[in-house]
Amino acid sequence: MNYRVIIVDSNKQQSETMSITIRGAKNFEVLATYTSPDSALGQSTIYNPNLFLIDADHPDFMEMIPAFVDTFPNAEVLAMTSGWNSAVAYEVQKTGAVGTILKSYRPEEIEETINLGKKRGKTDPARSICFFSPKGRAGRTTLASLLALNIVEKTQETVALIDADLQFGDLPIFFDIEPQHTIVDAVHDIKLLTPIAFASYFHEIKKNLYMLSSPDRPEYAELIDAETLIEIIKLAGHCFRYLLIDLPAGFNPISLAVSNFVDTNFVVSMINTGLEGEHMRRSLDMFRERSNLGKANYPIFTRVNPCTDEERFKLEMQIGYPLTEIFPNEYNLVSMANSGRIMKDLPKNSVLVKRIDELSNKIISGEL
């Protein structure tokens, strides 16, 4: 594609330097440079541009980005910053711009950023959903995996699974893959990464479905703190439209930090010994006490037998909260997940898969 570029930057000298860099590249033509966003907005129509590079370091320029997006619907808008800043990049996402790029860019990085933004899908901030369970073997990883597959199939937008069960994550087993990178690599490089570089740390499971694997040795979990993991999730939000994060079982600094950061929490427990209702109630109480922003926490029970409305009502009376969903016990499906056959032999007509389908519809529509 040939890019007809207009640069809008508060620093005239820097604008000229960027202009020289772009002019020397194939498929790029600089039409004009402006130090005033108002002038650029008013005069750019005569040039018929298809790409704007706009200074996001300057608050006044940032405020004008939505106007460029609305006025030039057939042009791409990229925000430029001197250094990567997750907060600024997040605000840029809300403006409708296709992405954020560092001012020290190479021309090919412009095209890579545009392509990443288009592949990601909507320019809205990513949906971030975590899966928490009071104890292990609750079915949260199976739920996350099935929802990821379903959302990709329905939306064709990009979905990333992040295995934040740092000691004993097993998402790669579910999909029978051997990722080249793990979350440890991302943490090590986080201060150097932009979305373009970070996207390569994710293993492509199938078209539009990606995974960032947990560490391949339990002791490596000590290399990852909650603050850095949050930065990983923030950066992933600029690469993918949906983030599904599998947490370790139980309350710990990682699970608490992530569940407080994301926009949606699924609290998952498996009916087994009869004590799960109490575990669920105590977990939901703790989430409610910690959440001061009105964040919704959605309780889900798996292996419910019989999986009926009557049984659902009994569980709701036991925990004192309305249930988001109950899933039946399907040993065959669990066996498929544990053996890496979850994409190959998934029984489309099973009750569990149908309820997963309904749950994903609510996520996609924003009901949850």
Protein backbone atom coordinates (compact mmCIF):
# COMPACT_ATOMS: atom_id res chain seq x y z
CA MET A 1 0.00 0.00 0.00
CA ASN A 2 1.17 3.54 -0.73
CA TYR A 3 0.87 5.88 2.23
CA ARG A 4 0.15 9.58 1.76
CA VAL A 5 1.32 10.99 5.09
CA ILE A 6 0.68 14.14 7.09
CA ILE A 7 2.78 14.69 10.24
CA VAL A 8 1.32 16.73 13.10
CA ASP A 9 3.92 17.39 15.79
CA SER A 10 4.48 20.19 18.29
CA ASN A 11 8.24 20.10 17.70
CA LYS A 12 9.02 21.49 14.24
CA GLN A 13 12.60 20.19 14.16
CA GLN A 14 11.50 16.70 15.17
CA SER A 15 8.74 16.82 12.59
CA GLU A 16 11.24 17.62 9.86
CA THR A 17 13.52 14.79 11.00
CA MET A 18 10.62 12.33 10.81
CA SER A 19 9.68 13.69 7.43
CA ILE A 20 13.17 13.05 6.06
CA THR A 21 13.10 9.50 7.43
CA ILE A 22 9.78 8.73 5.76
CA ARG A 23 10.64 10.36 2.44
CA GLY A 24 13.52 7.95 2.00
CA ALA A 25 11.27 4.91 2.30
CA LYS A 26 9.42 3.04 -0.40
CA ASN A 27 5.60 3.40 -0.45
CA PHE A 28 5.64 6.56 1.70
CA GLU A 29 5.02 10.13 0.59
CA VAL A 30 4.99 13.07 3.02
CA LEU A 31 2.35 15.54 1.91
CA ALA A 32 2.74 18.16 4.66
CA THR A 33 3.87 18.77 8.22
CA TYR A 34 2.05 20.86 10.82
CA THR A 35 2.85 22.14 14.30
CA SER A 36 -0.79 22.99 14.95
CA PRO A 37 -3.52 20.30 15.01
CA ASP A 38 -6.18 22.90 14.17
CA SER A 39 -4.32 23.93 11.02
CA ALA A 40 -3.74 20.29 10.07
CA LEU A 41 -7.40 19.46 10.53
CA GLY A 42 -8.58 22.45 8.52
CA GLN A 43 -6.11 22.25 5.63
CA SER A 44 -5.44 18.52 5.13
CA THR A 45 -8.52 17.88 2.98
CA ILE A 46 -6.77 19.38 -0.04
CA TYR A 47 -4.07 16.69 0.13
CA ASN A 48 -6.33 13.60 0.37
CA PRO A 49 -4.08 11.86 2.95
CA ASN A 50 -4.54 8.25 4.05
CA LEU A 51 -2.25 8.39 7.10
CA PHE A 52 -1.83 10.89 9.92
CA LEU A 53 1.04 10.73 12.42
CA ILE A 54 0.00 12.82 15.42
CA ASP A 55 2.02 13.86 18.48
CA ALA A 56 0.49 12.22 21.57
CA ASP A 57 3.02 13.69 23.99
CA HIS A 58 1.20 17.00 23.81
CA PRO A 59 -2.22 17.00 25.58
CA ASP A 60 -3.78 19.44 23.09
CA PHE A 61 -2.79 17.21 20.18
CA MET A 62 -4.17 14.13 21.97
CA GLU A 63 -7.52 15.84 22.42
CA MET A 64 -7.74 16.45 18.68
CA ILE A 65 -7.19 12.84 17.57
CA PRO A 66 -10.93 11.94 17.61
CA ALA A 67 -11.58 14.90 15.30
CA PHE A 68 -9.05 13.54 12.79
CA VAL A 69 -10.61 10.07 13.02
CA ASP A 70 -14.09 11.49 12.36
CA THR A 71 -13.08 13.97 9.65
CA PHE A 72 -10.93 11.51 7.70
CA PRO A 73 -12.71 8.14 7.98
CA ASN A 74 -10.70 6.65 5.10
CA ALA A 75 -7.34 7.53 6.66
CA GLU A 76 -5.39 5.74 9.36
CA VAL A 77 -4.40 7.73 12.44
CA LEU A 78 -1.31 6.78 14.43
CA ALA A 79 -0.34 8.46 17.67
CA MET A 80 3.35 9.14 18.32
CA THR A 81 5.08 9.17 21.73
CA SER A 82 8.68 9.74 22.80
CA GLY A 83 8.64 6.61 25.03
CA TRP A 84 6.19 3.79 25.56
CA ASN A 85 3.53 4.73 28.10
CA SER A 86 0.69 2.26 28.73
CA ALA A 87 -1.62 4.94 30.12
CA VAL A 88 -1.20 7.18 27.06
CA ALA A 89 -1.56 4.22 24.68
CA TYR A 90 -4.76 3.21 26.45
CA GLU A 91 -6.22 6.70 26.00
CA VAL A 92 -5.18 6.60 22.34
CA GLN A 93 -7.16 3.36 21.90
CA LYS A 94 -10.30 5.12 23.08
CA THR A 95 -9.89 7.84 20.44
CA GLY A 96 -10.30 5.44 17.52
CA ALA A 97 -6.69 5.72 16.35
CA VAL A 98 -5.26 2.51 14.92
CA GLY A 99 -2.33 2.42 17.35
CA THR A 100 0.62 4.11 19.04
CA ILE A 101 4.19 4.23 17.78
CA LEU A 102 7.44 5.60 19.17
CA LYS A 103 8.82 8.70 17.51
CA SER A 104 12.11 6.92 16.88
CA TYR A 105 10.34 4.61 14.43
CA ARG A 106 11.56 3.07 11.22
CA PRO A 107 9.13 3.42 8.27
CA GLU A 108 8.44 -0.32 8.21
CA GLU A 109 7.29 -0.08 11.85
CA ILE A 110 4.52 2.28 10.75
CA GLU A 111 3.09 -0.37 8.45
CA GLU A 112 3.58 -3.11 11.06
CA THR A 113 1.69 -1.05 13.65
CA ILE A 114 -1.16 -0.39 11.24
CA ASN A 115 -1.39 -4.07 10.31
CA LEU A 116 -1.37 -5.09 13.97
CA GLY A 117 -4.17 -2.65 14.72
CA LYS A 118 -6.28 -3.88 11.81
CA LYS A 119 -5.71 -7.50 12.77
CA ARG A 120 -6.66 -6.76 16.38
CA GLY A 121 -10.09 -5.59 15.30
CA LYS A 122 -12.04 -2.83 17.03
CA THR A 123 -10.03 0.09 18.34
CA ASP A 124 -11.82 -0.09 21.69
CA PRO A 125 -9.75 -1.07 24.75
CA ALA A 126 -9.43 -4.84 25.09
CA ARG A 127 -11.87 -6.92 27.09
CA SER A 128 -9.88 -8.46 29.94
CA ILE A 129 -11.33 -11.48 31.73
CA CYS A 130 -9.66 -13.53 34.46
CA PHE A 131 -10.54 -17.01 35.68
CA PHE A 132 -10.12 -17.57 39.43
CA SER A 133 -10.86 -20.61 41.56
CA PRO A 134 -10.64 -21.03 45.35
CA LYS A 135 -8.92 -24.40 44.86
CA GLY A 136 -7.32 -26.32 42.01
CA ARG A 137 -9.05 -28.72 39.61
CA ALA A 138 -12.12 -26.49 39.37
CA GLY A 139 -12.38 -26.43 35.57
CA ARG A 140 -11.29 -22.81 35.12
CA THR A 141 -8.62 -23.64 32.50
CA THR A 142 -11.08 -25.73 30.51
CA LEU A 143 -13.61 -22.89 30.69
CA ALA A 144 -11.06 -20.29 29.57
CA SER A 145 -9.93 -22.48 26.66
CA LEU A 146 -13.44 -23.23 25.42
CA LEU A 147 -14.51 -19.60 25.70
CA ALA A 148 -11.43 -18.48 23.76
CA LEU A 149 -12.21 -20.90 20.93
CA ASN A 150 -15.84 -19.85 20.87
CA ILE A 151 -15.16 -16.10 20.89
CA VAL A 152 -12.68 -16.41 18.02
CA GLU A 153 -15.15 -18.44 15.99
CA LYS A 154 -17.98 -15.95 16.56
CA THR A 155 -16.13 -12.63 16.20
CA GLN A 156 -13.07 -13.40 14.04
CA GLU A 157 -11.28 -10.93 16.31
CA THR A 158 -8.01 -11.67 18.05
CA VAL A 159 -8.09 -13.49 21.40
CA ALA A 160 -5.12 -14.11 23.68
CA LEU A 161 -4.92 -16.69 26.45
CA ILE A 162 -2.42 -15.66 29.15
CA ASP A 163 -1.35 -18.48 31.45
CA ALA A 164 -0.78 -16.67 34.75
CA ASP A 165 -0.78 -19.88 36.78
CA LEU A 166 2.92 -19.27 37.10
CA GLN A 167 4.01 -22.48 38.82
CA PHE A 168 1.73 -25.12 37.37
CA GLY A 169 0.03 -23.65 34.30
CA ASP A 170 -1.00 -26.25 31.75
CA LEU A 171 -2.67 -24.32 28.93
CA PRO A 172 -0.09 -25.57 26.38
CA ILE A 173 -1.13 -29.14 27.20
CA PHE A 174 -4.76 -28.31 26.39
CA PHE A 175 -3.76 -27.31 22.86
CA ASP A 176 -0.86 -29.74 22.42
CA ILE A 177 1.67 -27.02 21.65
CA GLU A 178 5.24 -26.20 22.66
CA PRO A 179 5.59 -22.39 22.75
CA GLN A 180 8.97 -20.88 21.94
CA HIS A 181 8.47 -18.10 24.49
CA THR A 182 7.00 -17.95 27.97
CA ILE A 183 5.80 -15.16 30.21
CA VAL A 184 9.28 -15.12 31.78
CA ASP A 185 10.78 -13.92 28.48
CA ALA A 186 8.19 -11.16 28.27
CA VAL A 187 8.85 -10.03 31.83
CA HIS A 188 12.59 -9.95 31.18
CA ASP A 189 12.13 -7.72 28.12
CA ILE A 190 9.08 -5.69 29.18
CA LYS A 191 10.85 -2.31 29.38
CA LEU A 192 12.06 -2.69 25.80
CA LEU A 193 8.83 -3.90 24.22
CA THR A 194 6.20 -2.16 22.14
CA PRO A 195 3.09 -3.95 20.83
CA ILE A 196 4.77 -4.88 17.54
CA ALA A 197 7.62 -6.69 19.29
CA PHE A 198 5.47 -8.11 22.08
CA ALA A 199 3.01 -9.83 19.72
CA SER A 200 5.75 -12.26 18.65
CA TYR A 201 5.99 -13.65 22.22
CA PHE A 202 2.55 -15.20 21.79
CA HIS A 203 2.19 -18.64 20.22
CA GLU A 204 -0.40 -18.75 17.43
CA ILE A 205 -2.73 -21.65 18.21
CA LYS A 206 -4.96 -21.04 15.21
CA LYS A 207 -6.04 -18.01 13.21
CA ASN A 208 -6.73 -15.14 15.63
CA LEU A 209 -6.12 -17.28 18.75
CA TYR A 210 -2.86 -16.84 20.66
CA MET A 211 -1.26 -17.92 23.91
CA LEU A 212 1.39 -16.57 26.25
CA SER A 213 2.62 -19.60 28.17
CA SER A 214 3.41 -19.88 31.87
CA PRO A 215 7.05 -20.54 32.92
CA ASP A 216 8.37 -23.98 31.97
CA ARG A 217 9.84 -24.47 35.47
CA PRO A 218 7.92 -23.78 38.73
CA GLU A 219 10.83 -21.91 40.34
CA TYR A 220 10.77 -19.32 37.54
CA ALA A 221 7.50 -18.01 39.00
CA GLU A 222 9.61 -16.12 41.53
CA LEU A 223 10.90 -13.92 38.69
CA ILE A 224 7.45 -12.43 38.10
CA ASP A 225 5.82 -9.93 40.41
CA ALA A 226 2.25 -8.67 40.29
CA GLU A 227 3.14 -5.17 39.05
CA THR A 228 5.09 -6.48 36.08
CA LEU A 229 2.37 -8.99 35.21
CA ILE A 230 -0.12 -6.11 35.07
CA GLU A 231 2.18 -4.32 32.63
CA ILE A 232 2.23 -7.49 30.50
CA ILE A 233 -1.57 -7.52 30.44
CA LYS A 234 -1.72 -3.82 29.57
CA LEU A 235 0.67 -4.28 26.67
CA ALA A 236 -1.23 -7.34 25.45
CA GLY A 237 -4.36 -5.20 25.28
CA HIS A 238 -2.77 -3.27 22.42
CA CYS A 239 -2.18 -6.48 20.46
CA PHE A 240 -5.41 -8.41 21.02
CA ARG A 241 -9.11 -7.61 21.34
CA TYR A 242 -9.87 -10.14 24.09
CA LEU A 243 -7.55 -11.21 26.93
CA LEU A 244 -8.46 -14.36 28.86
CA ILE A 245 -6.19 -14.82 31.88
CA ASP A 246 -5.94 -18.14 33.72
CA LEU A 247 -4.99 -17.42 37.35
CA PRO A 248 -3.44 -19.68 39.99
CA ALA A 249 -5.84 -21.20 42.49
CA GLY A 250 -6.42 -19.38 45.76
CA PHE A 251 -5.79 -15.83 46.88
CA ASN A 252 -2.21 -14.62 46.50
CA PRO A 253 -0.56 -11.37 45.33
CA ILE A 254 -0.80 -12.40 41.67
CA SER A 255 -4.45 -13.45 41.66
CA LEU A 256 -5.52 -10.45 43.73
CA ALA A 257 -3.66 -7.91 41.59
CA VAL A 258 -4.90 -9.30 38.28
CA SER A 259 -8.50 -9.75 39.40
CA ASN A 260 -8.54 -6.14 40.63
CA PHE A 261 -7.12 -4.89 37.32
CA VAL A 262 -9.24 -6.70 34.73
CA ASP A 263 -12.78 -5.67 33.84
CA THR A 264 -14.39 -9.10 34.45
CA ASN A 265 -13.80 -11.89 36.99
CA PHE A 266 -15.14 -15.41 36.61
CA VAL A 267 -15.00 -17.26 39.93
CA VAL A 268 -15.07 -20.98 39.16
CA SER A 269 -15.57 -23.90 41.54
CA MET A 270 -16.19 -27.60 40.91
CA ILE A 271 -18.82 -29.56 42.85
CA ASN A 272 -16.96 -32.44 44.46
CA THR A 273 -16.85 -32.72 48.26
CA GLY A 274 -19.82 -30.53 49.21
CA LEU A 275 -17.61 -27.79 50.66
CA GLU A 276 -17.33 -25.88 47.39
CA GLY A 277 -20.37 -23.73 48.19
CA GLU A 278 -18.68 -22.40 51.30
CA HIS A 279 -15.44 -21.81 49.38
CA MET A 280 -17.36 -19.92 46.71
CA ARG A 281 -19.23 -17.77 49.24
CA ARG A 282 -16.05 -16.80 51.07
CA SER A 283 -14.30 -15.99 47.80
CA LEU A 284 -17.13 -13.79 46.58
CA ASP A 285 -17.26 -12.03 49.95
CA MET A 286 -13.57 -11.24 49.68
CA PHE A 287 -13.89 -9.99 46.11
CA ARG A 288 -16.81 -7.77 47.14
CA GLU A 289 -14.88 -6.32 50.07
CA ARG A 290 -11.83 -5.55 47.91
CA SER A 291 -13.67 -4.19 44.90
CA ASN A 292 -14.41 -0.49 45.40
CA LEU A 293 -15.14 0.24 41.75
CA GLY A 294 -18.29 -1.83 41.37
CA LYS A 295 -16.50 -4.54 39.42
CA ALA A 296 -18.76 -7.49 38.65
CA ASN A 297 -17.67 -10.96 39.78
CA TYR A 298 -19.44 -13.86 38.11
CA PRO A 299 -19.68 -17.16 40.01
CA ILE A 300 -19.76 -20.41 38.03
CA PHE A 301 -20.03 -24.01 39.22
CA THR A 302 -18.79 -26.95 37.17
CA ARG A 303 -19.59 -30.67 37.47
CA VAL A 304 -23.09 -29.91 38.68
CA ASN A 305 -25.18 -33.09 38.78
CA PRO A 306 -28.05 -32.91 38.16
CA CYS A 307 -27.49 -29.76 36.11
CA THR A 308 -30.99 -28.37 36.58
CA ASP A 309 -32.66 -25.09 37.53
CA GLU A 310 -33.62 -26.65 40.86
CA GLU A 311 -29.99 -27.52 41.63
CA ARG A 312 -28.93 -24.04 40.57
CA PHE A 313 -31.42 -22.51 42.99
CA LYS A 314 -30.10 -24.69 45.84
CA LEU A 315 -26.54 -23.56 45.14
CA GLU A 316 -27.59 -19.91 45.03
CA MET A 317 -29.30 -20.26 48.40
CA GLN A 318 -26.15 -21.87 49.79
CA ILE A 319 -23.71 -19.17 48.65
CA GLY A 320 -26.04 -16.16 48.92
CA TYR A 321 -25.24 -14.91 45.42
CA PRO A 322 -26.93 -15.38 42.02
CA LEU A 323 -25.01 -17.79 39.78
CA THR A 324 -23.88 -16.76 36.33
CA GLU A 325 -23.84 -20.32 35.00
CA ILE A 326 -23.69 -23.98 36.00
CA PHE A 327 -22.05 -26.63 33.85
CA PRO A 328 -22.67 -30.37 33.83
CA ASN A 329 -20.01 -33.02 34.35
CA GLU A 330 -18.69 -34.24 31.00
CA TYR A 331 -15.76 -36.60 31.47
CA ASN A 332 -15.19 -37.06 27.74
CA LEU A 333 -14.64 -33.33 27.22
CA VAL A 334 -12.27 -33.09 30.20
CA SER A 335 -10.33 -36.03 28.80
CA MET A 336 -10.03 -34.28 25.44
CA ALA A 337 -8.70 -31.13 27.10
CA ASN A 338 -6.13 -33.01 29.15
CA SER A 339 -4.87 -34.88 26.10
CA GLY A 340 -4.55 -31.85 23.83
CA ARG A 341 -7.52 -32.76 21.64
CA ILE A 342 -9.71 -29.81 22.61
CA MET A 343 -9.66 -28.31 19.09
CA LYS A 344 -9.89 -31.58 17.18
CA ASP A 345 -12.62 -33.62 18.83
CA LEU A 346 -14.81 -31.05 20.58
CA PRO A 347 -18.41 -32.37 20.79
CA LYS A 348 -20.32 -29.41 19.34
CA ASN A 349 -23.72 -30.63 20.52
CA SER A 350 -22.85 -31.34 24.15
CA VAL A 351 -24.75 -29.49 26.87
CA LEU A 352 -21.53 -27.98 28.23
CA VAL A 353 -20.43 -26.63 24.85
CA LYS A 354 -23.89 -25.17 24.21
CA ARG A 355 -23.76 -23.35 27.55
CA ILE A 356 -20.25 -22.12 26.74
CA ASP A 357 -21.73 -20.76 23.52
CA GLU A 358 -24.39 -18.86 25.47
CA LEU A 359 -21.80 -17.48 27.89
CA SER A 360 -19.58 -16.24 25.06
CA ASN A 361 -22.58 -14.46 23.49
CA LYS A 362 -23.04 -12.52 26.73
CA ILE A 363 -19.34 -11.57 26.78
CA ILE A 364 -19.33 -10.44 23.15
CA SER A 365 -22.53 -8.42 23.55
CA GLY A 366 -21.24 -6.75 26.72
CA GLU A 367 -23.97 -8.25 28.89
CA LEU A 368 -21.18 -9.67 31.05
